Full PDB file with SEQRES, HELIX, SHEET, SSBOND, CRYST1, ORIGX, SCALE, CONECT and MASTER records, all heavy atoms in Angstrom:
SEQRES   1 A   36  VAL GLU CYS ALA ALA PRO GLU PHE ASP HIS ALA CYS THR          
SEQRES   2 A   36  PRO GLU THR GLY PHE CYS ARG ALA GLY THR ARG PHE VAL          
SEQRES   3 A   36  PRO THR LYS LEU VAL ASP VAL ALA GLY LEU                      
HELIX    1 AA1 ALA A    5  PHE A    8  5                                   4    
SHEET    1 AA1 2 PHE A  18  ARG A  20  0                                        
SHEET    2 AA1 2 THR A  23  PHE A  25 -1                                        
CRYST1    1.000    1.000    1.000  90.00  90.00  90.00 P 1           1          
ORIGX1      1.000000  0.000000  0.000000        0.00000                         
ORIGX2      0.000000  1.000000  0.000000        0.00000                         
ORIGX3      0.000000  0.000000  1.000000        0.00000                         
SCALE1      1.000000  0.000000  0.000000        0.00000                         
SCALE2      0.000000  1.000000  0.000000        0.00000                         
SCALE3      0.000000  0.000000  1.000000        0.00000                         
ATOM      1  N   VAL A   1     145.382 187.265 100.775  1.00  0.00           N  
ATOM      2  CA  VAL A   1     145.461 188.402 101.695  1.00  0.00           C  
ATOM      3  C   VAL A   1     146.011 189.576 100.903  1.00  0.00           C  
ATOM      4  O   VAL A   1     146.999 189.420 100.169  1.00  0.00           O  
ATOM      5  CB  VAL A   1     146.386 188.096 102.894  1.00  0.00           C  
ATOM      6  CG1 VAL A   1     146.507 189.310 103.803  1.00  0.00           C  
ATOM      7  CG2 VAL A   1     145.882 186.888 103.680  1.00  0.00           C  
ATOM      8  N   GLU A   2     145.390 190.730 101.027  1.00  0.00           N  
ATOM      9  CA  GLU A   2     145.917 191.907 100.349  1.00  0.00           C  
ATOM     10  C   GLU A   2     147.317 192.198 100.878  1.00  0.00           C  
ATOM     11  O   GLU A   2     147.519 192.342 102.088  1.00  0.00           O  
ATOM     12  CB  GLU A   2     145.001 193.107 100.580  1.00  0.00           C  
ATOM     13  CG  GLU A   2     145.450 194.359  99.850  1.00  0.00           C  
ATOM     14  CD  GLU A   2     144.591 195.566 100.171  1.00  0.00           C  
ATOM     15  OE1 GLU A   2     143.564 195.412 100.875  1.00  0.00           O  
ATOM     16  OE2 GLU A   2     144.965 196.684  99.739  1.00  0.00           O  
ATOM     17  N   CYS A   3     148.282 192.261  99.978  1.00  0.00           N  
ATOM     18  CA  CYS A   3     149.671 192.452 100.398  1.00  0.00           C  
ATOM     19  C   CYS A   3     149.854 193.837 101.021  1.00  0.00           C  
ATOM     20  O   CYS A   3     149.338 194.841 100.522  1.00  0.00           O  
ATOM     21  CB  CYS A   3     150.611 192.287  99.208  1.00  0.00           C  
ATOM     22  SG  CYS A   3     152.361 192.297  99.683  1.00  0.00           S  
ATOM     23  N   ALA A   4     150.624 193.883 102.113  1.00  0.00           N  
ATOM     24  CA  ALA A   4     150.866 195.150 102.812  1.00  0.00           C  
ATOM     25  C   ALA A   4     152.095 195.883 102.287  1.00  0.00           C  
ATOM     26  O   ALA A   4     152.293 197.063 102.585  1.00  0.00           O  
ATOM     27  CB  ALA A   4     151.030 194.893 104.314  1.00  0.00           C  
ATOM     28  N   ALA A   5     152.917 195.197 101.497  1.00  0.00           N  
ATOM     29  CA  ALA A   5     154.187 195.798 101.066  1.00  0.00           C  
ATOM     30  C   ALA A   5     154.022 197.114 100.304  1.00  0.00           C  
ATOM     31  O   ALA A   5     154.799 198.049 100.534  1.00  0.00           O  
ATOM     32  CB  ALA A   5     154.973 194.787 100.233  1.00  0.00           C  
ATOM     33  N   PRO A   6     153.043 197.232  99.397  1.00  0.00           N  
ATOM     34  CA  PRO A   6     152.930 198.505  98.664  1.00  0.00           C  
ATOM     35  C   PRO A   6     152.720 199.710  99.575  1.00  0.00           C  
ATOM     36  O   PRO A   6     153.090 200.833  99.197  1.00  0.00           O  
ATOM     37  CB  PRO A   6     151.697 198.268  97.772  1.00  0.00           C  
ATOM     38  CG  PRO A   6     151.660 196.789  97.560  1.00  0.00           C  
ATOM     39  CD  PRO A   6     152.113 196.218  98.866  1.00  0.00           C  
ATOM     40  N   GLU A   7     152.156 199.509 100.759  1.00  0.00           N  
ATOM     41  CA  GLU A   7     151.956 200.623 101.689  1.00  0.00           C  
ATOM     42  C   GLU A   7     153.287 201.189 102.179  1.00  0.00           C  
ATOM     43  O   GLU A   7     153.350 202.309 102.692  1.00  0.00           O  
ATOM     44  CB  GLU A   7     151.115 200.170 102.889  1.00  0.00           C  
ATOM     45  CG  GLU A   7     149.730 199.678 102.519  1.00  0.00           C  
ATOM     46  CD  GLU A   7     148.987 199.136 103.722  1.00  0.00           C  
ATOM     47  OE1 GLU A   7     149.031 199.790 104.789  1.00  0.00           O  
ATOM     48  OE2 GLU A   7     148.379 198.049 103.614  1.00  0.00           O  
ATOM     49  N   PHE A   8     154.358 200.381 102.029  1.00  0.00           N  
ATOM     50  CA  PHE A   8     155.691 200.810 102.470  1.00  0.00           C  
ATOM     51  C   PHE A   8     156.590 201.118 101.275  1.00  0.00           C  
ATOM     52  O   PHE A   8     157.809 201.208 101.410  1.00  0.00           O  
ATOM     53  CB  PHE A   8     156.316 199.719 103.344  1.00  0.00           C  
ATOM     54  CG  PHE A   8     155.564 199.455 104.617  1.00  0.00           C  
ATOM     55  CD1 PHE A   8     154.480 198.584 104.639  1.00  0.00           C  
ATOM     56  CD2 PHE A   8     155.914 200.092 105.801  1.00  0.00           C  
ATOM     57  CE1 PHE A   8     153.770 198.343 105.807  1.00  0.00           C  
ATOM     58  CE2 PHE A   8     155.210 199.859 106.973  1.00  0.00           C  
ATOM     59  CZ  PHE A   8     154.126 198.994 106.978  1.00  0.00           C  
ATOM     60  N   ASP A   9     155.945 201.217 100.078  1.00  0.00           N  
ATOM     61  CA  ASP A   9     156.668 201.566  98.841  1.00  0.00           C  
ATOM     62  C   ASP A   9     157.761 200.561  98.496  1.00  0.00           C  
ATOM     63  O   ASP A   9     158.841 200.932  98.017  1.00  0.00           O  
ATOM     64  CB  ASP A   9     157.268 202.978  98.939  1.00  0.00           C  
ATOM     65  CG  ASP A   9     156.198 204.047  99.097  1.00  0.00           C  
ATOM     66  OD1 ASP A   9     155.131 203.908  98.462  1.00  0.00           O  
ATOM     67  OD2 ASP A   9     156.426 205.001  99.875  1.00  0.00           O  
ATOM     68  N   HIS A  10     157.469 199.290  98.762  1.00  0.00           N  
ATOM     69  CA  HIS A  10     158.396 198.221  98.402  1.00  0.00           C  
ATOM     70  C   HIS A  10     157.614 197.062  97.795  1.00  0.00           C  
ATOM     71  O   HIS A  10     156.399 196.923  98.026  1.00  0.00           O  
ATOM     72  CB  HIS A  10     159.156 197.705  99.628  1.00  0.00           C  
ATOM     73  CG  HIS A  10     160.212 198.633 100.130  1.00  0.00           C  
ATOM     74  ND1 HIS A  10     161.373 198.902  99.442  1.00  0.00           N  
ATOM     75  CD2 HIS A  10     160.283 199.374 101.271  1.00  0.00           C  
ATOM     76  CE1 HIS A  10     162.113 199.757 100.126  1.00  0.00           C  
ATOM     77  NE2 HIS A  10     161.478 200.060 101.241  1.00  0.00           N  
ATOM     78  N   ALA A  11     158.326 196.249  97.037  1.00  0.00           N  
ATOM     79  CA  ALA A  11     157.760 194.988  96.571  1.00  0.00           C  
ATOM     80  C   ALA A  11     158.142 193.910  97.573  1.00  0.00           C  
ATOM     81  O   ALA A  11     159.258 193.913  98.116  1.00  0.00           O  
ATOM     82  CB  ALA A  11     158.297 194.647  95.188  1.00  0.00           C  
ATOM     83  N   CYS A  12     157.219 193.004  97.845  1.00  0.00           N  
ATOM     84  CA  CYS A  12     157.538 191.942  98.796  1.00  0.00           C  
ATOM     85  C   CYS A  12     158.360 190.848  98.113  1.00  0.00           C  
ATOM     86  O   CYS A  12     158.360 190.722  96.887  1.00  0.00           O  
ATOM     87  CB  CYS A  12     156.257 191.339  99.385  1.00  0.00           C  
ATOM     88  SG  CYS A  12     155.236 190.457  98.188  1.00  0.00           S  
ATOM     89  N   THR A  13     159.074 190.093  98.933  1.00  0.00           N  
ATOM     90  CA  THR A  13     159.872 188.965  98.437  1.00  0.00           C  
ATOM     91  C   THR A  13     159.518 187.733  99.270  1.00  0.00           C  
ATOM     92  O   THR A  13     160.242 187.366 100.200  1.00  0.00           O  
ATOM     93  CB  THR A  13     161.379 189.259  98.545  1.00  0.00           C  
ATOM     94  OG1 THR A  13     161.666 189.733  99.875  1.00  0.00           O  
ATOM     95  CG2 THR A  13     161.796 190.311  97.540  1.00  0.00           C  
ATOM     96  N   PRO A  14     158.399 187.096  98.970  1.00  0.00           N  
ATOM     97  CA  PRO A  14     157.903 186.002  99.815  1.00  0.00           C  
ATOM     98  C   PRO A  14     158.844 184.794  99.832  1.00  0.00           C  
ATOM     99  O   PRO A  14     159.386 184.395  98.804  1.00  0.00           O  
ATOM    100  CB  PRO A  14     156.570 185.629  99.158  1.00  0.00           C  
ATOM    101  CG  PRO A  14     156.206 186.793  98.295  1.00  0.00           C  
ATOM    102  CD  PRO A  14     157.499 187.381  97.844  1.00  0.00           C  
ATOM    103  N   GLU A  15     159.008 184.250 101.026  1.00  0.00           N  
ATOM    104  CA  GLU A  15     159.712 182.977 101.174  1.00  0.00           C  
ATOM    105  C   GLU A  15     158.717 181.835 101.364  1.00  0.00           C  
ATOM    106  O   GLU A  15     159.059 180.670 101.200  1.00  0.00           O  
ATOM    107  CB  GLU A  15     160.690 183.034 102.341  1.00  0.00           C  
ATOM    108  CG  GLU A  15     161.872 183.956 102.071  1.00  0.00           C  
ATOM    109  CD  GLU A  15     162.941 183.851 103.141  1.00  0.00           C  
ATOM    110  OE1 GLU A  15     162.703 183.181 104.172  1.00  0.00           O  
ATOM    111  OE2 GLU A  15     164.023 184.449 102.950  1.00  0.00           O  
ATOM    112  N   THR A  16     157.499 182.182 101.762  1.00  0.00           N  
ATOM    113  CA  THR A  16     156.420 181.195 101.846  1.00  0.00           C  
ATOM    114  C   THR A  16     155.258 181.738 101.029  1.00  0.00           C  
ATOM    115  O   THR A  16     154.939 182.924 101.115  1.00  0.00           O  
ATOM    116  CB  THR A  16     155.956 180.964 103.292  1.00  0.00           C  
ATOM    117  OG1 THR A  16     155.578 182.226 103.881  1.00  0.00           O  
ATOM    118  CG2 THR A  16     157.060 180.344 104.128  1.00  0.00           C  
ATOM    119  N   GLY A  17     154.645 180.873 100.231  1.00  0.00           N  
ATOM    120  CA  GLY A  17     153.586 181.338  99.364  1.00  0.00           C  
ATOM    121  C   GLY A  17     154.143 182.197  98.246  1.00  0.00           C  
ATOM    122  O   GLY A  17     155.326 182.123  97.889  1.00  0.00           O  
ATOM    123  N   PHE A  18     153.296 183.065  97.692  1.00  0.00           N  
ATOM    124  CA  PHE A  18     153.730 183.930  96.605  1.00  0.00           C  
ATOM    125  C   PHE A  18     152.812 185.146  96.556  1.00  0.00           C  
ATOM    126  O   PHE A  18     151.778 185.202  97.234  1.00  0.00           O  
ATOM    127  CB  PHE A  18     153.719 183.192  95.264  1.00  0.00           C  
ATOM    128  CG  PHE A  18     152.372 182.641  94.860  1.00  0.00           C  
ATOM    129  CD1 PHE A  18     151.541 183.341  94.000  1.00  0.00           C  
ATOM    130  CD2 PHE A  18     151.937 181.401  95.336  1.00  0.00           C  
ATOM    131  CE1 PHE A  18     150.305 182.844  93.620  1.00  0.00           C  
ATOM    132  CE2 PHE A  18     150.708 180.885  94.949  1.00  0.00           C  
ATOM    133  CZ  PHE A  18     149.881 181.610  94.092  1.00  0.00           C  
ATOM    134  N   CYS A  19     153.223 186.132  95.778  1.00  0.00           N  
ATOM    135  CA  CYS A  19     152.432 187.345  95.631  1.00  0.00           C  
ATOM    136  C   CYS A  19     152.217 187.589  94.145  1.00  0.00           C  
ATOM    137  O   CYS A  19     153.150 187.445  93.342  1.00  0.00           O  
ATOM    138  CB  CYS A  19     153.147 188.539  96.268  1.00  0.00           C  
ATOM    139  SG  CYS A  19     152.095 190.005  96.474  1.00  0.00           S  
ATOM    140  N   ARG A  20     150.973 187.925  93.798  1.00  0.00           N  
ATOM    141  CA  ARG A  20     150.664 188.168  92.396  1.00  0.00           C  
ATOM    142  C   ARG A  20     149.738 189.369  92.289  1.00  0.00           C  
ATOM    143  O   ARG A  20     148.632 189.345  92.821  1.00  0.00           O  
ATOM    144  CB  ARG A  20     150.018 186.926  91.779  1.00  0.00           C  
ATOM    145  CG  ARG A  20     149.852 186.999  90.274  1.00  0.00           C  
ATOM    146  CD  ARG A  20     149.475 185.654  89.708  1.00  0.00           C  
ATOM    147  NE  ARG A  20     149.262 185.743  88.268  1.00  0.00           N  
ATOM    148  CZ  ARG A  20     148.914 184.719  87.494  1.00  0.00           C  
ATOM    149  NH1 ARG A  20     148.749 183.514  88.029  1.00  0.00           N  
ATOM    150  NH2 ARG A  20     148.723 184.890  86.203  1.00  0.00           N  
ATOM    151  N   ALA A  21     150.225 190.405  91.620  1.00  0.00           N  
ATOM    152  CA  ALA A  21     149.444 191.616  91.371  1.00  0.00           C  
ATOM    153  C   ALA A  21     148.828 192.169  92.647  1.00  0.00           C  
ATOM    154  O   ALA A  21     147.652 192.526  92.691  1.00  0.00           O  
ATOM    155  CB  ALA A  21     148.366 191.346  90.327  1.00  0.00           C  
ATOM    156  N   GLY A  22     149.639 192.233  93.715  1.00  0.00           N  
ATOM    157  CA  GLY A  22     149.189 192.843  94.958  1.00  0.00           C  
ATOM    158  C   GLY A  22     148.398 191.936  95.883  1.00  0.00           C  
ATOM    159  O   GLY A  22     147.938 192.393  96.935  1.00  0.00           O  
ATOM    160  N   THR A  23     148.246 190.685  95.499  1.00  0.00           N  
ATOM    161  CA  THR A  23     147.549 189.728  96.361  1.00  0.00           C  
ATOM    162  C   THR A  23     148.535 188.683  96.850  1.00  0.00           C  
ATOM    163  O   THR A  23     149.208 188.029  96.041  1.00  0.00           O  
ATOM    164  CB  THR A  23     146.393 189.035  95.614  1.00  0.00           C  
ATOM    165  OG1 THR A  23     145.420 190.009  95.256  1.00  0.00           O  
ATOM    166  CG2 THR A  23     145.733 187.983  96.480  1.00  0.00           C  
ATOM    167  N   ARG A  24     148.631 188.562  98.161  1.00  0.00           N  
ATOM    168  CA  ARG A  24     149.522 187.578  98.773  1.00  0.00           C  
ATOM    169  C   ARG A  24     148.766 186.262  98.911  1.00  0.00           C  
ATOM    170  O   ARG A  24     147.644 186.224  99.436  1.00  0.00           O  
ATOM    171  CB  ARG A  24     149.964 188.078 100.144  1.00  0.00           C  
ATOM    172  CG  ARG A  24     151.108 187.311 100.790  1.00  0.00           C  
ATOM    173  CD  ARG A  24     152.434 187.624 100.123  1.00  0.00           C  
ATOM    174  NE  ARG A  24     153.515 187.023 100.878  1.00  0.00           N  
ATOM    175  CZ  ARG A  24     154.428 187.726 101.563  1.00  0.00           C  
ATOM    176  NH1 ARG A  24     154.382 189.033 101.580  1.00  0.00           N  
ATOM    177  NH2 ARG A  24     155.383 187.111 102.226  1.00  0.00           N  
ATOM    178  N   PHE A  25     149.345 185.174  98.443  1.00  0.00           N  
ATOM    179  CA  PHE A  25     148.765 183.843  98.573  1.00  0.00           C  
ATOM    180  C   PHE A  25     149.510 183.121  99.694  1.00  0.00           C  
ATOM    181  O   PHE A  25     150.682 182.765  99.553  1.00  0.00           O  
ATOM    182  CB  PHE A  25     148.864 183.082  97.246  1.00  0.00           C  
ATOM    183  CG  PHE A  25     147.896 183.582  96.203  1.00  0.00           C  
ATOM    184  CD1 PHE A  25     148.181 184.730  95.467  1.00  0.00           C  
ATOM    185  CD2 PHE A  25     146.692 182.929  95.976  1.00  0.00           C  
ATOM    186  CE1 PHE A  25     147.281 185.209  94.518  1.00  0.00           C  
ATOM    187  CE2 PHE A  25     145.783 183.390  95.036  1.00  0.00           C  
ATOM    188  CZ  PHE A  25     146.084 184.534  94.299  1.00  0.00           C  
ATOM    189  N   VAL A  26     148.822 182.976 100.818  1.00  0.00           N  
ATOM    190  CA  VAL A  26     149.435 182.470 102.046  1.00  0.00           C  
ATOM    191  C   VAL A  26     149.126 180.979 102.180  1.00  0.00           C  
ATOM    192  O   VAL A  26     147.963 180.559 102.082  1.00  0.00           O  
ATOM    193  CB  VAL A  26     148.887 183.230 103.269  1.00  0.00           C  
ATOM    194  CG1 VAL A  26     149.560 182.742 104.550  1.00  0.00           C  
ATOM    195  CG2 VAL A  26     149.102 184.735 103.091  1.00  0.00           C  
ATOM    196  N   PRO A  27     150.145 180.136 102.421  1.00  0.00           N  
ATOM    197  CA  PRO A  27     149.918 178.683 102.449  1.00  0.00           C  
ATOM    198  C   PRO A  27     149.062 178.237 103.633  1.00  0.00           C  
ATOM    199  O   PRO A  27     149.118 178.801 104.727  1.00  0.00           O  
ATOM    200  CB  PRO A  27     151.336 178.102 102.588  1.00  0.00           C  
ATOM    201  CG  PRO A  27     152.266 179.207 102.266  1.00  0.00           C  
ATOM    202  CD  PRO A  27     151.561 180.469 102.600  1.00  0.00           C  
ATOM    203  N   THR A  28     148.265 177.218 103.382  1.00  0.00           N  
ATOM    204  CA  THR A  28     147.533 176.520 104.436  1.00  0.00           C  
ATOM    205  C   THR A  28     147.455 175.055 104.038  1.00  0.00           C  
ATOM    206  O   THR A  28     147.585 174.717 102.859  1.00  0.00           O  
ATOM    207  CB  THR A  28     146.124 177.117 104.640  1.00  0.00           C  
ATOM    208  OG1 THR A  28     145.525 176.526 105.788  1.00  0.00           O  
ATOM    209  CG2 THR A  28     145.242 176.873 103.432  1.00  0.00           C  
ATOM    210  N   LYS A  29     147.273 174.173 105.006  1.00  0.00           N  
ATOM    211  CA  LYS A  29     147.193 172.743 104.717  1.00  0.00           C  
ATOM    212  C   LYS A  29     145.762 172.357 104.342  1.00  0.00           C  
ATOM    213  O   LYS A  29     144.809 172.742 105.019  1.00  0.00           O  
ATOM    214  CB  LYS A  29     147.643 171.916 105.926  1.00  0.00           C  
ATOM    215  CG  LYS A  29     149.090 172.131 106.341  1.00  0.00           C  
ATOM    216  CD  LYS A  29     150.046 171.643 105.281  1.00  0.00           C  
ATOM    217  CE  LYS A  29     151.505 171.800 105.741  1.00  0.00           C  
ATOM    218  NZ  LYS A  29     152.449 171.436 104.680  1.00  0.00           N  
ATOM    219  N   LEU A  30     145.633 171.597 103.259  1.00  0.00           N  
ATOM    220  CA  LEU A  30     144.339 171.078 102.843  1.00  0.00           C  
ATOM    221  C   LEU A  30     144.408 169.560 102.884  1.00  0.00           C  
ATOM    222  O   LEU A  30     145.290 168.950 102.271  1.00  0.00           O  
ATOM    223  CB  LEU A  30     143.994 171.558 101.436  1.00  0.00           C  
ATOM    224  CG  LEU A  30     142.604 171.186 100.919  1.00  0.00           C  
ATOM    225  CD1 LEU A  30     141.511 171.811 101.776  1.00  0.00           C  
ATOM    226  CD2 LEU A  30     142.436 171.629  99.460  1.00  0.00           C  
ATOM    227  N   VAL A  31     143.490 168.952 103.638  1.00  0.00           N  
ATOM    228  CA  VAL A  31     143.495 167.506 103.847  1.00  0.00           C  
ATOM    229  C   VAL A  31     142.282 166.903 103.154  1.00  0.00           C  
ATOM    230  O   VAL A  31     141.137 167.214 103.497  1.00  0.00           O  
ATOM    231  CB  VAL A  31     143.455 167.158 105.359  1.00  0.00           C  
ATOM    232  CG1 VAL A  31     143.532 165.646 105.554  1.00  0.00           C  
ATOM    233  CG2 VAL A  31     144.580 167.859 106.101  1.00  0.00           C  
ATOM    234  N   ASP A  32     142.532 166.051 102.179  1.00  0.00           N  
ATOM    235  CA  ASP A  32     141.468 165.349 101.468  1.00  0.00           C  
ATOM    236  C   ASP A  32     141.142 164.091 102.268  1.00  0.00           C  
ATOM    237  O   ASP A  32     141.851 163.092 102.199  1.00  0.00           O  
ATOM    238  CB  ASP A  32     141.945 165.001 100.058  1.00  0.00           C  
ATOM    239  CG  ASP A  32     140.853 164.397  99.198  1.00  0.00           C  
ATOM    240  OD1 ASP A  32     139.710 164.301  99.667  1.00  0.00           O  
ATOM    241  OD2 ASP A  32     141.151 164.012  98.046  1.00  0.00           O  
ATOM    242  N   VAL A  33     140.065 164.154 103.064  1.00  0.00           N  
ATOM    243  CA  VAL A  33     139.744 163.073 104.001  1.00  0.00           C  
ATOM    244  C   VAL A  33     138.849 162.039 103.320  1.00  0.00           C  
ATOM    245  O   VAL A  33     137.800 162.374 102.771  1.00  0.00           O  
ATOM    246  CB  VAL A  33     139.045 163.624 105.257  1.00  0.00           C  
ATOM    247  CG1 VAL A  33     138.764 162.505 106.248  1.00  0.00           C  
ATOM    248  CG2 VAL A  33     139.895 164.710 105.907  1.00  0.00           C  
ATOM    249  N   ALA A  34     139.268 160.779 103.370  1.00  0.00           N  
ATOM    250  CA  ALA A  34     138.537 159.702 102.701  1.00  0.00           C  
ATOM    251  C   ALA A  34     137.620 158.964 103.664  1.00  0.00           C  
ATOM    252  O   ALA A  34     137.852 158.951 104.868  1.00  0.00           O  
ATOM    253  CB  ALA A  34     139.531 158.706 102.108  1.00  0.00           C  
ATOM    254  N   GLY A  35     136.569 158.365 103.115  1.00  0.00           N  
ATOM    255  CA  GLY A  35     135.803 157.388 103.887  1.00  0.00           C  
ATOM    256  C   GLY A  35     134.430 157.803 104.331  1.00  0.00           C  
ATOM    257  O   GLY A  35     133.838 157.137 105.181  1.00  0.00           O  
ATOM    258  N   LEU A  36     133.873 158.878 103.775  1.00  0.00           N  
ATOM    259  CA  LEU A  36     132.543 159.309 104.190  1.00  0.00           C  
ATOM    260  C   LEU A  36     131.478 158.495 103.469  1.00  0.00           C  
ATOM    261  O   LEU A  36     131.254 158.662 102.270  1.00  0.00           O  
ATOM    262  CB  LEU A  36     132.337 160.799 103.896  1.00  0.00           C  
ATOM    263  CG  LEU A  36     130.934 161.344 104.212  1.00  0.00           C  
ATOM    264  CD1 LEU A  36     130.595 161.155 105.687  1.00  0.00           C  
ATOM    265  CD2 LEU A  36     130.816 162.795 103.819  1.00  0.00           C  
TER     266      LEU A  36                                                      
MASTER        0    0    0    1    2    0    0    6  265    1    0    3          
END                                                                             
């Protein structure tokens, strides 16, 4: 997700996920489902 923090002239300080070069990496669950 494009980080919104630069629009407010601040750097973000993520507690979930991380931010790299203006791109926010937001966590989601990925389930590797077996048995197909």
